[in-house]
Amino acid sequence: MRPIVFAALLGLAGALAACGPEAPKKETYAPTPLAPAGWTQIFANPAESIDVMNRLGFRIGAYAPAEGGHKAVGIPAMLSRSDVLKPNVTNVELTGTADTLTAVRFTLDLTDLSDDGFAKKQFVKQIKQRFAQLGVAGADKLTQNIMSERPTNGTTAGANYALTRDLIPGGKNHRRITLTFTPAGSTPATSAPRNG
């Protein structure tokens, strides 16, 4: 009889627990973006922008005089799953004056053609995640164009953008997708940085 009594008590305890007060609901919240003023804030202060972007994993070097202005370039990041001599890589370049940025460029070099679809998907994923963390607009407008490698240009909150696709040396159909953001009201400079 004892196992039956124990089972009955256990069932009763479970039923009573189910009748208790409702568990508090979790509050959902959006994280505070690192650049709350969006692209305007990114363009306004090169040193601060590099610091913020590096906290998100961009690995950008020093902003220093170069080519008649100032420039900082990231360390290329591989976006290939295969062991090839020239993997697909992504990078970032910031250019401007000593006090302000005039262009932020994100590049994707497609040199491992057996894995270029994966590289484009990863590039889109990184852009979407990092733009959301930064608090800048434009990623959603460009997803399809990046995947189809279709050039486009337009405006988003605080910036103009241009997406270009260019052939690069090194192999048949090796190409670079460049996504350039410039301050609103300016003309996008679309010359691409060299990854490597």
N, C-alpha and C. Protein backbone atom coordinates (compact mmCIF):
# COMPACT_ATOMS: atom_id res chain seq x y z
N MET A 1 0.80 -1.21 0.00
CA MET A 1 0.00 0.00 0.00
C MET A 1 0.84 1.27 0.00
N ARG A 2 2.00 1.17 0.55
CA ARG A 2 2.82 2.37 0.64
C ARG A 2 3.15 2.97 -0.72
N PRO A 3 3.55 2.18 -1.75
CA PRO A 3 3.83 2.79 -3.05
C PRO A 3 2.61 3.50 -3.62
N ILE A 4 1.42 2.98 -3.40
CA ILE A 4 0.21 3.60 -3.92
C ILE A 4 -0.04 4.93 -3.22
N VAL A 5 0.13 4.97 -1.89
CA VAL A 5 -0.06 6.21 -1.13
C VAL A 5 0.97 7.25 -1.57
N PHE A 6 2.22 6.81 -1.75
CA PHE A 6 3.27 7.73 -2.17
C PHE A 6 2.96 8.32 -3.55
N ALA A 7 2.51 7.48 -4.47
CA ALA A 7 2.16 7.93 -5.82
C ALA A 7 1.00 8.91 -5.77
N ALA A 8 0.02 8.66 -4.90
CA ALA A 8 -1.13 9.55 -4.78
C ALA A 8 -0.70 10.90 -4.23
N LEU A 9 0.18 10.89 -3.22
CA LEU A 9 0.67 12.14 -2.64
C LEU A 9 1.50 12.93 -3.66
N LEU A 10 2.30 12.21 -4.41
CA LEU A 10 3.12 12.86 -5.44
C LEU A 10 2.23 13.51 -6.51
N GLY A 11 1.19 12.82 -6.91
CA GLY A 11 0.24 13.37 -7.89
C GLY A 11 -0.47 14.59 -7.35
N LEU A 12 -0.87 14.54 -6.06
CA LEU A 12 -1.54 15.67 -5.43
C LEU A 12 -0.61 16.88 -5.34
N ALA A 13 0.65 16.62 -4.99
CA ALA A 13 1.62 17.72 -4.91
C ALA A 13 1.82 18.37 -6.27
N GLY A 14 1.88 17.56 -7.32
CA GLY A 14 2.03 18.10 -8.68
C GLY A 14 0.84 18.94 -9.08
N ALA A 15 -0.36 18.47 -8.73
CA ALA A 15 -1.58 19.20 -9.08
C ALA A 15 -1.63 20.53 -8.34
N LEU A 16 -1.24 20.53 -7.06
CA LEU A 16 -1.24 21.78 -6.29
C LEU A 16 -0.20 22.76 -6.83
N ALA A 17 0.95 22.24 -7.24
CA ALA A 17 1.98 23.12 -7.78
C ALA A 17 1.51 23.80 -9.06
N ALA A 18 0.74 23.09 -9.86
CA ALA A 18 0.23 23.65 -11.11
C ALA A 18 -0.79 24.74 -10.85
N CYS A 19 -1.41 24.74 -9.67
CA CYS A 19 -2.43 25.73 -9.35
C CYS A 19 -1.84 26.99 -8.72
N GLY A 20 -0.53 27.02 -8.53
CA GLY A 20 0.12 28.15 -7.87
C GLY A 20 0.08 29.40 -8.73
N PRO A 21 0.66 30.48 -8.21
CA PRO A 21 0.67 31.74 -8.95
C PRO A 21 1.50 31.60 -10.23
N GLU A 22 1.13 32.41 -11.21
CA GLU A 22 1.82 32.39 -12.50
C GLU A 22 3.24 32.93 -12.34
N ALA A 23 4.17 32.30 -13.01
CA ALA A 23 5.56 32.76 -12.96
C ALA A 23 5.66 34.13 -13.62
N PRO A 24 6.53 34.99 -13.07
CA PRO A 24 6.66 36.32 -13.68
C PRO A 24 7.17 36.20 -15.11
N LYS A 25 6.63 37.04 -15.99
CA LYS A 25 7.04 37.01 -17.39
C LYS A 25 8.34 37.78 -17.56
N LYS A 26 9.19 37.25 -18.44
CA LYS A 26 10.45 37.92 -18.72
C LYS A 26 10.17 39.16 -19.56
N GLU A 27 10.83 40.24 -19.19
CA GLU A 27 10.71 41.46 -19.98
C GLU A 27 11.65 41.36 -21.17
N THR A 28 11.17 41.76 -22.31
CA THR A 28 12.04 41.79 -23.48
C THR A 28 12.54 43.21 -23.66
N TYR A 29 13.78 43.34 -24.06
CA TYR A 29 14.34 44.66 -24.29
C TYR A 29 15.36 44.57 -25.41
N ALA A 30 15.53 45.68 -26.06
CA ALA A 30 16.55 45.77 -27.11
C ALA A 30 17.81 46.34 -26.48
N PRO A 31 18.95 45.77 -26.78
CA PRO A 31 20.19 46.31 -26.21
C PRO A 31 20.44 47.73 -26.71
N THR A 32 21.09 48.52 -25.89
CA THR A 32 21.43 49.88 -26.28
C THR A 32 22.52 49.83 -27.35
N PRO A 33 22.30 50.47 -28.49
CA PRO A 33 23.33 50.44 -29.53
C PRO A 33 24.58 51.19 -29.08
N LEU A 34 25.73 50.78 -29.61
CA LEU A 34 26.99 51.42 -29.24
C LEU A 34 27.14 52.81 -29.84
N ALA A 35 26.42 53.08 -30.92
CA ALA A 35 26.43 54.41 -31.54
C ALA A 35 24.98 54.87 -31.67
N PRO A 36 24.37 55.35 -30.56
CA PRO A 36 22.95 55.68 -30.57
C PRO A 36 22.53 56.68 -31.64
N ALA A 37 23.44 57.57 -32.06
CA ALA A 37 23.10 58.54 -33.10
C ALA A 37 23.35 57.99 -34.51
N GLY A 38 23.64 56.70 -34.61
CA GLY A 38 23.78 56.04 -35.90
C GLY A 38 24.98 56.50 -36.70
N TRP A 39 24.79 56.54 -38.02
CA TRP A 39 25.89 56.89 -38.92
C TRP A 39 26.45 58.28 -38.63
N THR A 40 25.60 59.21 -38.22
CA THR A 40 26.07 60.56 -37.90
C THR A 40 27.16 60.50 -36.84
N GLN A 41 26.95 59.69 -35.82
CA GLN A 41 27.94 59.53 -34.76
C GLN A 41 29.19 58.82 -35.27
N ILE A 42 29.02 57.81 -36.11
CA ILE A 42 30.18 57.08 -36.65
C ILE A 42 31.08 58.03 -37.44
N PHE A 43 30.50 58.85 -38.31
CA PHE A 43 31.29 59.76 -39.15
C PHE A 43 31.94 60.88 -38.34
N ALA A 44 31.36 61.26 -37.21
CA ALA A 44 31.80 62.45 -36.46
C ALA A 44 33.11 62.28 -35.70
N ASN A 45 33.47 61.06 -35.31
CA ASN A 45 34.64 60.90 -34.47
C ASN A 45 35.38 59.61 -34.83
N PRO A 46 36.43 59.70 -35.66
CA PRO A 46 37.12 58.50 -36.11
C PRO A 46 37.66 57.62 -34.98
N ALA A 47 38.33 58.21 -34.00
CA ALA A 47 38.94 57.41 -32.93
C ALA A 47 37.87 56.66 -32.13
N GLU A 48 36.79 57.36 -31.78
CA GLU A 48 35.71 56.72 -31.03
C GLU A 48 35.04 55.62 -31.86
N SER A 49 34.85 55.88 -33.14
CA SER A 49 34.20 54.89 -34.01
C SER A 49 35.05 53.64 -34.16
N ILE A 50 36.35 53.81 -34.30
CA ILE A 50 37.24 52.65 -34.40
C ILE A 50 37.19 51.84 -33.12
N ASP A 51 37.21 52.53 -31.98
CA ASP A 51 37.13 51.83 -30.69
C ASP A 51 35.83 51.03 -30.58
N VAL A 52 34.72 51.65 -30.92
CA VAL A 52 33.42 50.98 -30.85
C VAL A 52 33.37 49.80 -31.81
N MET A 53 33.83 49.99 -33.04
CA MET A 53 33.80 48.92 -34.03
C MET A 53 34.73 47.77 -33.65
N ASN A 54 35.86 48.09 -33.04
CA ASN A 54 36.77 47.02 -32.61
C ASN A 54 36.19 46.20 -31.47
N ARG A 55 35.35 46.81 -30.65
CA ARG A 55 34.68 46.04 -29.60
C ARG A 55 33.74 45.00 -30.19
N LEU A 56 33.34 45.20 -31.44
CA LEU A 56 32.46 44.24 -32.13
C LEU A 56 33.25 43.26 -33.00
N GLY A 57 34.58 43.33 -32.95
CA GLY A 57 35.40 42.35 -33.66
C GLY A 57 35.90 42.78 -35.01
N PHE A 58 35.84 44.07 -35.35
CA PHE A 58 36.30 44.49 -36.67
C PHE A 58 37.83 44.46 -36.83
N ARG A 59 38.59 44.61 -35.77
CA ARG A 59 40.06 44.55 -35.80
C ARG A 59 40.67 45.61 -36.73
N ILE A 60 40.30 46.86 -36.48
CA ILE A 60 40.76 47.98 -37.29
C ILE A 60 42.03 48.56 -36.67
N GLY A 61 43.01 48.86 -37.54
CA GLY A 61 44.27 49.44 -37.08
C GLY A 61 44.15 50.93 -36.81
N ALA A 62 45.30 51.57 -36.63
CA ALA A 62 45.35 53.00 -36.29
C ALA A 62 44.86 53.86 -37.45
N TYR A 63 44.22 54.95 -37.09
CA TYR A 63 43.75 55.95 -38.06
C TYR A 63 44.88 56.94 -38.23
N ALA A 64 45.55 56.91 -39.38
CA ALA A 64 46.77 57.68 -39.57
C ALA A 64 46.77 58.37 -40.93
N PRO A 65 47.63 59.40 -41.09
CA PRO A 65 47.73 60.08 -42.38
C PRO A 65 48.09 59.09 -43.50
N ALA A 66 47.38 59.22 -44.63
CA ALA A 66 47.63 58.37 -45.79
C ALA A 66 46.91 58.93 -47.00
N GLU A 67 47.57 58.91 -48.14
CA GLU A 67 46.93 59.25 -49.42
C GLU A 67 46.18 60.59 -49.39
N GLY A 68 46.79 61.62 -48.82
CA GLY A 68 46.18 62.94 -48.80
C GLY A 68 45.08 63.11 -47.77
N GLY A 69 44.89 62.18 -46.90
CA GLY A 69 43.89 62.27 -45.84
C GLY A 69 44.30 61.37 -44.69
N HIS A 70 43.33 60.70 -44.10
CA HIS A 70 43.59 59.74 -43.03
C HIS A 70 42.89 58.44 -43.38
N LYS A 71 43.47 57.34 -42.89
CA LYS A 71 42.90 56.04 -43.22
C LYS A 71 43.22 55.03 -42.11
N ALA A 72 42.27 54.10 -41.91
CA ALA A 72 42.48 52.95 -41.02
C ALA A 72 41.92 51.73 -41.74
N VAL A 73 42.64 50.63 -41.66
CA VAL A 73 42.23 49.40 -42.35
C VAL A 73 42.20 48.27 -41.33
N GLY A 74 41.22 47.39 -41.48
CA GLY A 74 41.12 46.23 -40.61
C GLY A 74 42.04 45.10 -41.03
N ILE A 75 42.09 44.08 -40.21
CA ILE A 75 42.80 42.86 -40.55
C ILE A 75 41.82 41.96 -41.28
N PRO A 76 42.16 41.49 -42.49
CA PRO A 76 41.22 40.64 -43.24
C PRO A 76 40.80 39.42 -42.43
N ALA A 77 39.52 39.07 -42.53
CA ALA A 77 38.98 37.89 -41.84
C ALA A 77 38.51 36.89 -42.89
N MET A 78 38.92 35.65 -42.74
CA MET A 78 38.59 34.60 -43.70
C MET A 78 37.13 34.19 -43.58
N LEU A 79 36.48 34.00 -44.73
CA LEU A 79 35.10 33.52 -44.79
C LEU A 79 35.01 32.32 -45.72
N SER A 80 35.92 31.38 -45.58
CA SER A 80 35.91 30.16 -46.39
C SER A 80 35.91 28.95 -45.48
N ARG A 81 35.31 27.88 -45.97
CA ARG A 81 35.32 26.63 -45.21
C ARG A 81 36.34 25.65 -45.76
N SER A 82 36.97 25.99 -46.86
CA SER A 82 37.92 25.07 -47.47
C SER A 82 39.35 25.57 -47.27
N ASP A 83 40.29 24.67 -47.45
CA ASP A 83 41.70 24.98 -47.26
C ASP A 83 42.30 25.32 -48.63
N VAL A 84 42.11 26.56 -49.06
CA VAL A 84 42.61 26.99 -50.36
C VAL A 84 43.68 28.05 -50.18
N LEU A 85 44.47 28.24 -51.23
CA LEU A 85 45.55 29.21 -51.17
C LEU A 85 45.03 30.64 -51.01
N LYS A 86 43.93 30.96 -51.70
CA LYS A 86 43.34 32.30 -51.62
C LYS A 86 41.90 32.18 -51.12
N PRO A 87 41.69 32.21 -49.81
CA PRO A 87 40.33 32.09 -49.27
C PRO A 87 39.53 33.38 -49.47
N ASN A 88 38.23 33.27 -49.37
CA ASN A 88 37.36 34.45 -49.37
C ASN A 88 37.63 35.23 -48.09
N VAL A 89 37.77 36.54 -48.21
CA VAL A 89 38.04 37.37 -47.03
C VAL A 89 37.16 38.61 -47.03
N THR A 90 36.91 39.09 -45.83
CA THR A 90 36.18 40.35 -45.65
C THR A 90 37.08 41.32 -44.91
N ASN A 91 36.83 42.61 -45.10
CA ASN A 91 37.64 43.61 -44.44
C ASN A 91 36.84 44.91 -44.32
N VAL A 92 37.41 45.87 -43.63
CA VAL A 92 36.79 47.19 -43.47
C VAL A 92 37.87 48.24 -43.61
N GLU A 93 37.50 49.39 -44.17
CA GLU A 93 38.43 50.52 -44.32
C GLU A 93 37.67 51.80 -44.00
N LEU A 94 38.29 52.67 -43.21
CA LEU A 94 37.72 53.97 -42.87
C LEU A 94 38.64 55.04 -43.42
N THR A 95 38.09 56.04 -44.11
CA THR A 95 38.88 57.14 -44.64
C THR A 95 38.22 58.46 -44.28
N GLY A 96 39.04 59.52 -44.27
CA GLY A 96 38.50 60.84 -43.97
C GLY A 96 39.58 61.85 -43.70
N THR A 97 39.21 62.86 -42.93
CA THR A 97 40.15 63.89 -42.48
C THR A 97 40.61 63.50 -41.08
N ALA A 98 41.45 64.33 -40.50
CA ALA A 98 41.91 64.05 -39.14
C ALA A 98 40.75 64.01 -38.15
N ASP A 99 39.69 64.81 -38.42
CA ASP A 99 38.61 64.96 -37.45
C ASP A 99 37.32 64.20 -37.77
N THR A 100 37.10 63.85 -39.03
CA THR A 100 35.85 63.18 -39.39
C THR A 100 36.09 62.10 -40.43
N LEU A 101 35.19 61.15 -40.46
CA LEU A 101 35.23 60.11 -41.49
C LEU A 101 34.41 60.58 -42.68
N THR A 102 34.92 60.29 -43.88
CA THR A 102 34.17 60.61 -45.09
C THR A 102 33.67 59.35 -45.79
N ALA A 103 34.19 58.17 -45.37
CA ALA A 103 33.71 56.91 -45.95
C ALA A 103 34.05 55.74 -45.04
N VAL A 104 33.12 54.82 -44.95
CA VAL A 104 33.33 53.53 -44.27
C VAL A 104 33.02 52.46 -45.31
N ARG A 105 34.02 51.62 -45.60
CA ARG A 105 33.85 50.59 -46.64
C ARG A 105 34.00 49.20 -46.04
N PHE A 106 33.08 48.34 -46.42
CA PHE A 106 33.14 46.92 -46.06
C PHE A 106 33.35 46.16 -47.36
N THR A 107 34.34 45.28 -47.39
CA THR A 107 34.62 44.54 -48.62
C THR A 107 34.53 43.04 -48.39
N LEU A 108 34.20 42.35 -49.47
CA LEU A 108 34.21 40.89 -49.49
C LEU A 108 34.92 40.48 -50.78
N ASP A 109 36.09 39.87 -50.63
CA ASP A 109 36.83 39.36 -51.79
C ASP A 109 36.47 37.90 -51.99
N LEU A 110 35.91 37.60 -53.16
CA LEU A 110 35.49 36.23 -53.49
C LEU A 110 36.54 35.61 -54.41
N THR A 111 37.43 34.83 -53.81
CA THR A 111 38.52 34.19 -54.54
C THR A 111 38.46 32.66 -54.44
N ASP A 112 37.68 32.15 -53.51
CA ASP A 112 37.42 30.71 -53.39
C ASP A 112 36.03 30.48 -53.97
N LEU A 113 35.97 30.27 -55.27
CA LEU A 113 34.68 30.23 -55.96
C LEU A 113 33.85 29.01 -55.59
N SER A 114 34.48 27.98 -55.03
CA SER A 114 33.72 26.80 -54.60
C SER A 114 32.91 27.09 -53.35
N ASP A 115 33.21 28.20 -52.67
CA ASP A 115 32.56 28.51 -51.40
C ASP A 115 32.04 29.95 -51.36
N ASP A 116 31.82 30.56 -52.53
CA ASP A 116 31.43 31.97 -52.53
C ASP A 116 30.02 32.21 -51.99
N GLY A 117 29.11 31.24 -52.16
CA GLY A 117 27.76 31.39 -51.61
C GLY A 117 27.78 31.45 -50.10
N PHE A 118 28.56 30.57 -49.47
CA PHE A 118 28.71 30.58 -48.02
C PHE A 118 29.31 31.91 -47.56
N ALA A 119 30.33 32.39 -48.27
CA ALA A 119 30.99 33.64 -47.88
C ALA A 119 30.01 34.81 -47.93
N LYS A 120 29.18 34.87 -48.96
CA LYS A 120 28.20 35.96 -49.06
C LYS A 120 27.18 35.88 -47.92
N LYS A 121 26.72 34.67 -47.60
CA LYS A 121 25.77 34.52 -46.48
C LYS A 121 26.40 34.97 -45.17
N GLN A 122 27.66 34.60 -44.93
CA GLN A 122 28.35 35.00 -43.70
C GLN A 122 28.57 36.51 -43.66
N PHE A 123 28.90 37.10 -44.80
CA PHE A 123 29.10 38.54 -44.90
C PHE A 123 27.80 39.27 -44.54
N VAL A 124 26.68 38.83 -45.12
CA VAL A 124 25.37 39.42 -44.81
C VAL A 124 25.06 39.27 -43.32
N LYS A 125 25.30 38.10 -42.78
CA LYS A 125 25.03 37.85 -41.35
C LYS A 125 25.85 38.80 -40.48
N GLN A 126 27.14 38.94 -40.79
CA GLN A 126 27.99 39.84 -40.01
C GLN A 126 27.52 41.28 -40.11
N ILE A 127 27.20 41.72 -41.32
CA ILE A 127 26.74 43.10 -41.52
C ILE A 127 25.47 43.34 -40.70
N LYS A 128 24.50 42.44 -40.79
CA LYS A 128 23.24 42.61 -40.06
C LYS A 128 23.48 42.66 -38.55
N GLN A 129 24.25 41.71 -38.02
CA GLN A 129 24.49 41.66 -36.58
C GLN A 129 25.25 42.89 -36.10
N ARG A 130 26.32 43.22 -36.79
CA ARG A 130 27.15 44.34 -36.33
C ARG A 130 26.46 45.69 -36.52
N PHE A 131 25.70 45.86 -37.59
CA PHE A 131 24.97 47.11 -37.76
C PHE A 131 23.94 47.27 -36.65
N ALA A 132 23.26 46.20 -36.28
CA ALA A 132 22.27 46.27 -35.19
C ALA A 132 22.96 46.63 -33.87
N GLN A 133 24.13 46.04 -33.62
CA GLN A 133 24.85 46.35 -32.39
C GLN A 133 25.36 47.78 -32.38
N LEU A 134 25.80 48.26 -33.53
CA LEU A 134 26.26 49.64 -33.63
C LEU A 134 25.11 50.63 -33.51
N GLY A 135 23.98 50.28 -34.10
CA GLY A 135 22.85 51.20 -34.15
C GLY A 135 22.80 51.98 -35.44
N VAL A 136 23.39 51.42 -36.51
CA VAL A 136 23.37 52.08 -37.81
C VAL A 136 22.42 51.35 -38.75
N ALA A 137 21.87 52.11 -39.70
CA ALA A 137 20.89 51.56 -40.63
C ALA A 137 21.55 51.15 -41.95
N GLY A 138 20.81 50.38 -42.74
CA GLY A 138 21.23 50.07 -44.09
C GLY A 138 21.40 48.60 -44.41
N ALA A 139 21.60 47.76 -43.41
CA ALA A 139 21.88 46.34 -43.69
C ALA A 139 20.72 45.66 -44.40
N ASP A 140 19.50 45.88 -43.94
CA ASP A 140 18.34 45.19 -44.53
C ASP A 140 18.11 45.59 -45.98
N LYS A 141 18.44 46.82 -46.32
CA LYS A 141 18.24 47.29 -47.70
C LYS A 141 19.18 46.60 -48.68
N LEU A 142 20.29 46.05 -48.18
CA LEU A 142 21.34 45.57 -49.07
C LEU A 142 21.49 44.06 -49.14
N THR A 143 20.76 43.32 -48.34
CA THR A 143 20.91 41.87 -48.28
C THR A 143 20.78 41.21 -49.65
N GLN A 144 19.70 41.48 -50.35
CA GLN A 144 19.48 40.83 -51.65
C GLN A 144 20.53 41.24 -52.67
N ASN A 145 20.94 42.50 -52.64
CA ASN A 145 21.95 42.96 -53.59
C ASN A 145 23.31 42.32 -53.33
N ILE A 146 23.65 42.11 -52.07
CA ILE A 146 24.91 41.43 -51.75
C ILE A 146 24.85 40.00 -52.27
N MET A 147 23.76 39.30 -51.98
CA MET A 147 23.65 37.90 -52.40
C MET A 147 23.67 37.74 -53.92
N SER A 148 23.06 38.68 -54.64
CA SER A 148 23.01 38.59 -56.10
C SER A 148 24.16 39.36 -56.76
N GLU A 149 24.97 40.04 -55.94
CA GLU A 149 26.10 40.84 -56.42
C GLU A 149 25.64 41.92 -57.40
N ARG A 150 24.49 42.49 -57.13
CA ARG A 150 23.89 43.50 -57.99
C ARG A 150 24.20 44.90 -57.45
N PRO A 151 24.95 45.72 -58.20
CA PRO A 151 25.26 47.07 -57.74
C PRO A 151 24.00 47.89 -57.47
N THR A 152 24.10 48.76 -56.49
CA THR A 152 22.99 49.64 -56.14
C THR A 152 23.54 50.83 -55.37
N ASN A 153 22.72 51.85 -55.21
CA ASN A 153 23.06 52.96 -54.32
C ASN A 153 21.77 53.57 -53.82
N GLY A 154 21.89 54.31 -52.74
CA GLY A 154 20.71 54.92 -52.15
C GLY A 154 21.06 55.64 -50.86
N THR A 155 20.04 55.88 -50.06
CA THR A 155 20.23 56.57 -48.78
C THR A 155 19.58 55.76 -47.67
N THR A 156 20.12 55.93 -46.50
CA THR A 156 19.56 55.35 -45.29
C THR A 156 19.73 56.40 -44.21
N ALA A 157 19.24 56.17 -43.02
CA ALA A 157 19.29 57.17 -41.95
C ALA A 157 20.74 57.62 -41.69
N GLY A 158 21.05 58.87 -42.05
CA GLY A 158 22.35 59.46 -41.76
C GLY A 158 23.45 59.15 -42.76
N ALA A 159 23.16 58.41 -43.83
CA ALA A 159 24.23 58.04 -44.76
C ALA A 159 23.70 57.76 -46.16
N ASN A 160 24.60 57.93 -47.12
CA ASN A 160 24.40 57.42 -48.47
C ASN A 160 25.13 56.08 -48.54
N TYR A 161 24.69 55.21 -49.42
CA TYR A 161 25.42 53.95 -49.59
C TYR A 161 25.55 53.61 -51.06
N ALA A 162 26.58 52.85 -51.37
CA ALA A 162 26.79 52.34 -52.73
C ALA A 162 27.36 50.93 -52.61
N LEU A 163 26.82 50.01 -53.38
CA LEU A 163 27.33 48.65 -53.43
C LEU A 163 27.87 48.43 -54.85
N THR A 164 29.14 48.03 -54.93
CA THR A 164 29.76 47.78 -56.23
C THR A 164 30.30 46.35 -56.28
N ARG A 165 30.48 45.87 -57.50
CA ARG A 165 31.08 44.55 -57.74
C ARG A 165 32.13 44.73 -58.82
N ASP A 166 33.37 44.39 -58.51
CA ASP A 166 34.47 44.56 -59.45
C ASP A 166 35.30 43.29 -59.53
N LEU A 167 35.81 43.01 -60.72
CA LEU A 167 36.75 41.90 -60.87
C LEU A 167 38.08 42.32 -60.26
N ILE A 168 38.78 41.36 -59.64
CA ILE A 168 40.09 41.63 -59.04
C ILE A 168 41.11 40.65 -59.62
N PRO A 169 42.38 41.03 -59.62
CA PRO A 169 43.41 40.14 -60.17
C PRO A 169 43.55 38.87 -59.33
N GLY A 170 44.10 37.85 -59.96
CA GLY A 170 44.40 36.64 -59.21
C GLY A 170 43.73 35.39 -59.72
N GLY A 171 42.72 35.52 -60.53
CA GLY A 171 42.05 34.33 -61.04
C GLY A 171 40.79 34.69 -61.80
N LYS A 172 40.33 33.74 -62.58
CA LYS A 172 39.13 33.95 -63.38
C LYS A 172 37.92 34.12 -62.46
N ASN A 173 37.19 35.19 -62.68
CA ASN A 173 35.97 35.52 -61.95
C ASN A 173 36.21 35.82 -60.46
N HIS A 174 37.45 36.14 -60.08
CA HIS A 174 37.69 36.63 -58.72
C HIS A 174 37.12 38.04 -58.67
N ARG A 175 36.39 38.34 -57.62
CA ARG A 175 35.71 39.62 -57.58
C ARG A 175 35.62 40.16 -56.16
N ARG A 176 35.37 41.46 -56.08
CA ARG A 176 35.23 42.15 -54.80
C ARG A 176 33.88 42.85 -54.75
N ILE A 177 33.16 42.60 -53.68
CA ILE A 177 31.93 43.34 -53.39
C ILE A 177 32.33 44.41 -52.37
N THR A 178 32.03 45.66 -52.69
CA THR A 178 32.36 46.78 -51.80
C THR A 178 31.08 47.50 -51.42
N LEU A 179 30.90 47.67 -50.13
CA LEU A 179 29.75 48.36 -49.58
C LEU A 179 30.28 49.63 -48.92
N THR A 180 29.98 50.79 -49.51
CA THR A 180 30.53 52.07 -49.05
C THR A 180 29.42 52.93 -48.45
N PHE A 181 29.67 53.44 -47.25
CA PHE A 181 28.77 54.39 -46.59
C PHE A 181 29.49 55.73 -46.46
N THR A 182 28.81 56.80 -46.84
CA THR A 182 29.34 58.15 -46.74
C THR A 182 28.31 59.02 -46.02
N PRO A 183 28.74 60.16 -45.45
CA PRO A 183 27.78 61.01 -44.74
C PRO A 183 26.63 61.43 -45.65
N ALA A 184 25.46 61.54 -45.09
CA ALA A 184 24.27 61.97 -45.84
C ALA A 184 24.56 63.29 -46.54
N GLY A 185 24.16 63.37 -47.81
CA GLY A 185 24.37 64.59 -48.58
C GLY A 185 25.67 64.61 -49.36
N SER A 186 26.54 63.62 -49.15
CA SER A 186 27.80 63.57 -49.89
C SER A 186 27.66 62.60 -51.07
N THR A 187 28.66 62.57 -51.91
CA THR A 187 28.68 61.62 -53.02
C THR A 187 29.54 60.44 -52.62
N PRO A 188 29.01 59.21 -52.65
CA PRO A 188 29.81 58.06 -52.23
C PRO A 188 31.05 57.88 -53.08
N ALA A 189 32.19 57.72 -52.42
CA ALA A 189 33.42 57.33 -53.11
C ALA A 189 33.45 55.81 -53.10
N THR A 190 33.52 55.21 -54.25
CA THR A 190 33.38 53.76 -54.29
C THR A 190 34.68 53.03 -54.58
N SER A 191 35.81 53.74 -54.55
CA SER A 191 37.06 53.02 -54.78
C SER A 191 37.27 52.04 -53.63
N ALA A 192 37.69 50.85 -53.97
CA ALA A 192 37.75 49.77 -52.99
C ALA A 192 39.13 49.62 -52.39
N PRO A 193 39.22 49.28 -51.10
CA PRO A 193 40.51 49.00 -50.49
C PRO A 193 41.04 47.66 -50.97
N ARG A 194 42.33 47.47 -50.86
CA ARG A 194 42.94 46.19 -51.20
C ARG A 194 43.01 45.35 -49.94
N ASN A 195 42.48 44.16 -49.98
CA ASN A 195 42.58 43.23 -48.86
C ASN A 195 43.85 42.43 -49.04
N GLY A 196 44.66 42.39 -48.04
CA GLY A 196 45.83 41.55 -48.17
C GLY A 196 46.99 42.18 -47.57
